[in-house]
Amino acid sequence: MATNTLSRSLHDVGLAAWFGGTLANAVALNAAAAEAGSASATGAVANAGWDRWTPVNAAAIGAHLVGSVGQLGANKRRLAEQQGVAGMSTLKTLLTAAALGVTAYSRVLG
């Protein structure tokens, strides 16, 4: 039985970094930036923090996507033969697409 360790690791670590880093920034960075004093300083501090996170976030998203494709390839037989696997894979793909859309939209908003 193949373990697909690399693709599983990329999938899981990428998703954890994407979600965890975004959550931490949304909860902690934005609140900490509010302590800057003025509205313009708050925006500048928050934007500086998010700008520093963007390349790490992009790498995390890329790792998750590469791992996801690797998992699909490694499990193509299960996708075709095992009941429920194709439906769950489709749902996970749609959720990932929605998360990508929300991530892109929030980046456009600043």
C-alpha atoms as a PDB file:
ATOM      1  CA  MET A   1       0.000   0.000   0.000  1.00  0.00           C
ATOM      2  CA  ALA A   2       1.367   3.395  -0.989  1.00  0.00           C
ATOM      3  CA  THR A   3       1.475   5.981   1.754  1.00  0.00           C
ATOM      4  CA  ASN A   4       1.682   9.112  -0.418  1.00  0.00           C
ATOM      5  CA  THR A   5       3.549  10.810   2.410  1.00  0.00           C
ATOM      6  CA  LEU A   6       4.746  13.763   0.353  1.00  0.00           C
ATOM      7  CA  SER A   7       1.385  14.665  -1.150  1.00  0.00           C
ATOM      8  CA  ARG A   8      -0.415  14.139   2.165  1.00  0.00           C
ATOM      9  CA  SER A   9       2.119  16.330   3.944  1.00  0.00           C
ATOM     10  CA  LEU A  10       1.889  19.088   1.346  1.00  0.00           C
ATOM     11  CA  HIS A  11      -1.910  18.936   1.482  1.00  0.00           C
ATOM     12  CA  ASP A  12      -2.163  19.015   5.275  1.00  0.00           C
ATOM     13  CA  VAL A  13       0.695  21.379   6.131  1.00  0.00           C
ATOM     14  CA  GLY A  14      -0.299  23.763   3.340  1.00  0.00           C
ATOM     15  CA  LEU A  15      -3.898  23.889   4.528  1.00  0.00           C
ATOM     16  CA  ALA A  16      -2.855  24.292   8.162  1.00  0.00           C
ATOM     17  CA  ALA A  17      -0.536  27.197   7.339  1.00  0.00           C
ATOM     18  CA  TRP A  18      -3.117  28.835   5.059  1.00  0.00           C
ATOM     19  CA  PHE A  19      -5.928  28.629   7.598  1.00  0.00           C
ATOM     20  CA  GLY A  20      -3.876  29.103  10.757  1.00  0.00           C
ATOM     21  CA  GLY A  21      -1.885  32.061   9.515  1.00  0.00           C
ATOM     22  CA  THR A  22      -4.928  33.803   8.124  1.00  0.00           C
ATOM     23  CA  LEU A  23      -6.858  33.230  11.344  1.00  0.00           C
ATOM     24  CA  ALA A  24      -3.979  34.498  13.481  1.00  0.00           C
ATOM     25  CA  ASN A  25      -3.610  37.625  11.379  1.00  0.00           C
ATOM     26  CA  ALA A  26      -7.350  38.311  11.353  1.00  0.00           C
ATOM     27  CA  VAL A  27      -7.649  37.869  15.112  1.00  0.00           C
ATOM     28  CA  ALA A  28      -4.339  39.165  16.449  1.00  0.00           C
ATOM     29  CA  LEU A  29      -2.695  41.376  13.828  1.00  0.00           C
ATOM     30  CA  ASN A  30      -5.750  43.464  13.046  1.00  0.00           C
ATOM     31  CA  ALA A  31      -6.495  43.956  16.758  1.00  0.00           C
ATOM     32  CA  ALA A  32      -2.879  44.828  17.527  1.00  0.00           C
ATOM     33  CA  ALA A  33      -2.760  47.293  14.637  1.00  0.00           C
ATOM     34  CA  ALA A  34      -5.730  49.109  16.165  1.00  0.00           C
ATOM     35  CA  GLU A  35      -3.416  50.077  19.026  1.00  0.00           C
ATOM     36  CA  ALA A  36      -1.370  52.237  16.640  1.00  0.00           C
ATOM     37  CA  GLY A  37      -3.392  55.305  17.546  1.00  0.00           C
ATOM     38  CA  SER A  38      -4.807  56.879  14.409  1.00  0.00           C
ATOM     39  CA  ALA A  39      -6.920  55.285  11.695  1.00  0.00           C
ATOM     40  CA  SER A  40      -4.213  55.829   9.077  1.00  0.00           C
ATOM     41  CA  ALA A  41      -1.544  54.292  11.311  1.00  0.00           C
ATOM     42  CA  THR A  42      -3.817  51.345  12.062  1.00  0.00           C
ATOM     43  CA  GLY A  43      -4.300  50.719   8.344  1.00  0.00           C
ATOM     44  CA  ALA A  44      -0.594  51.079   7.633  1.00  0.00           C
ATOM     45  CA  VAL A  45       0.419  48.629  10.361  1.00  0.00           C
ATOM     46  CA  ALA A  46      -2.242  46.082   9.382  1.00  0.00           C
ATOM     47  CA  ASN A  47      -1.336  46.341   5.701  1.00  0.00           C
ATOM     48  CA  ALA A  48       2.374  45.929   6.462  1.00  0.00           C
ATOM     49  CA  GLY A  49       1.652  42.760   8.418  1.00  0.00           C
ATOM     50  CA  TRP A  50      -0.642  41.302   5.757  1.00  0.00           C
ATOM     51  CA  ASP A  51       1.880  42.202   3.042  1.00  0.00           C
ATOM     52  CA  ARG A  52       4.531  40.208   4.894  1.00  0.00           C
ATOM     53  CA  TRP A  53       2.142  37.272   5.225  1.00  0.00           C
ATOM     54  CA  THR A  54       1.184  37.227   1.522  1.00  0.00           C
ATOM     55  CA  PRO A  55       4.245  35.324   0.182  1.00  0.00           C
ATOM     56  CA  VAL A  56       4.005  32.753   2.977  1.00  0.00           C
ATOM     57  CA  ASN A  57       0.280  32.419   2.355  1.00  0.00           C
ATOM     58  CA  ALA A  58       0.883  31.956  -1.376  1.00  0.00           C
ATOM     59  CA  ALA A  59       3.407  29.200  -0.653  1.00  0.00           C
ATOM     60  CA  ALA A  60       0.969  27.535   1.755  1.00  0.00           C
ATOM     61  CA  ILE A  61      -1.831  27.668  -0.802  1.00  0.00           C
ATOM     62  CA  GLY A  62       0.496  26.309  -3.477  1.00  0.00           C
ATOM     63  CA  ALA A  63       1.596  23.453  -1.224  1.00  0.00           C
ATOM     64  CA  HIS A  64      -2.018  22.609  -0.439  1.00  0.00           C
ATOM     65  CA  LEU A  65      -2.992  22.606  -4.113  1.00  0.00           C
ATOM     66  CA  VAL A  66       0.000  20.499  -5.173  1.00  0.00           C
ATOM     67  CA  GLY A  67      -0.748  18.060  -2.365  1.00  0.00           C
ATOM     68  CA  SER A  68      -4.420  17.936  -3.351  1.00  0.00           C
ATOM     69  CA  VAL A  69      -3.586  17.118  -6.955  1.00  0.00           C
ATOM     70  CA  GLY A  70      -1.114  14.485  -5.755  1.00  0.00           C
ATOM     71  CA  GLN A  71      -3.786  12.931  -3.559  1.00  0.00           C
ATOM     72  CA  LEU A  72      -6.268  12.857  -6.429  1.00  0.00           C
ATOM     73  CA  GLY A  73      -3.701  11.144  -8.635  1.00  0.00           C
ATOM     74  CA  ALA A  74      -2.738   8.641  -5.970  1.00  0.00           C
ATOM     75  CA  ASN A  75      -6.371   7.824  -5.228  1.00  0.00           C
ATOM     76  CA  LYS A  76      -7.765   7.706  -8.768  1.00  0.00           C
ATOM     77  CA  ARG A  77      -8.753   4.072  -8.369  1.00  0.00           C
ATOM     78  CA  ARG A  78     -10.637   4.837  -5.150  1.00  0.00           C
ATOM     79  CA  LEU A  79     -12.298   7.800  -6.876  1.00  0.00           C
ATOM     80  CA  ALA A  80     -13.643   5.512  -9.562  1.00  0.00           C
ATOM     81  CA  GLU A  81     -14.537   2.468  -7.501  1.00  0.00           C
ATOM     82  CA  GLN A  82     -15.338   3.358  -3.894  1.00  0.00           C
ATOM     83  CA  GLN A  83     -18.776   4.734  -3.164  1.00  0.00           C
ATOM     84  CA  GLY A  84     -18.803   8.299  -1.856  1.00  0.00           C
ATOM     85  CA  VAL A  85     -15.177   9.130  -2.612  1.00  0.00           C
ATOM     86  CA  ALA A  86     -15.886  11.039  -5.833  1.00  0.00           C
ATOM     87  CA  GLY A  87     -18.668  13.037  -4.177  1.00  0.00           C
ATOM     88  CA  MET A  88     -16.519  13.928  -1.181  1.00  0.00           C
ATOM     89  CA  SER A  89     -13.610  14.861  -3.456  1.00  0.00           C
ATOM     90  CA  THR A  90     -15.920  17.113  -5.458  1.00  0.00           C
ATOM     91  CA  LEU A  91     -17.170  18.781  -2.276  1.00  0.00           C
ATOM     92  CA  LYS A  92     -13.609  19.338  -1.028  1.00  0.00           C
ATOM     93  CA  THR A  93     -12.641  20.800  -4.407  1.00  0.00           C
ATOM     94  CA  LEU A  94     -15.604  23.201  -4.299  1.00  0.00           C
ATOM     95  CA  LEU A  95     -14.741  24.254  -0.747  1.00  0.00           C
ATOM     96  CA  THR A  96     -11.126  24.845  -1.764  1.00  0.00           C
ATOM     97  CA  ALA A  97     -12.280  26.938  -4.735  1.00  0.00           C
ATOM     98  CA  ALA A  98     -14.534  28.969  -2.424  1.00  0.00           C
ATOM     99  CA  ALA A  99     -11.656  29.495   0.026  1.00  0.00           C
ATOM    100  CA  LEU A 100      -9.417  30.629  -2.836  1.00  0.00           C
ATOM    101  CA  GLY A 101     -12.098  33.087  -3.920  1.00  0.00           C
ATOM    102  CA  VAL A 102     -12.520  34.480  -0.410  1.00  0.00           C
ATOM    103  CA  THR A 103      -8.747  34.756   0.001  1.00  0.00           C
ATOM    104  CA  ALA A 104      -8.388  36.614  -3.304  1.00  0.00           C
ATOM    105  CA  TYR A 105     -11.348  38.890  -2.559  1.00  0.00           C
ATOM    106  CA  SER A 106     -10.041  39.786   0.895  1.00  0.00           C
ATOM    107  CA  ARG A 107      -6.643  40.583  -0.611  1.00  0.00           C
ATOM    108  CA  VAL A 108      -8.267  42.893  -3.172  1.00  0.00           C
ATOM    109  CA  LEU A 109     -10.138  44.671  -0.371  1.00  0.00           C
ATOM    110  CA  GLY A 110      -6.892  45.151   1.532  1.00  0.00           C
END
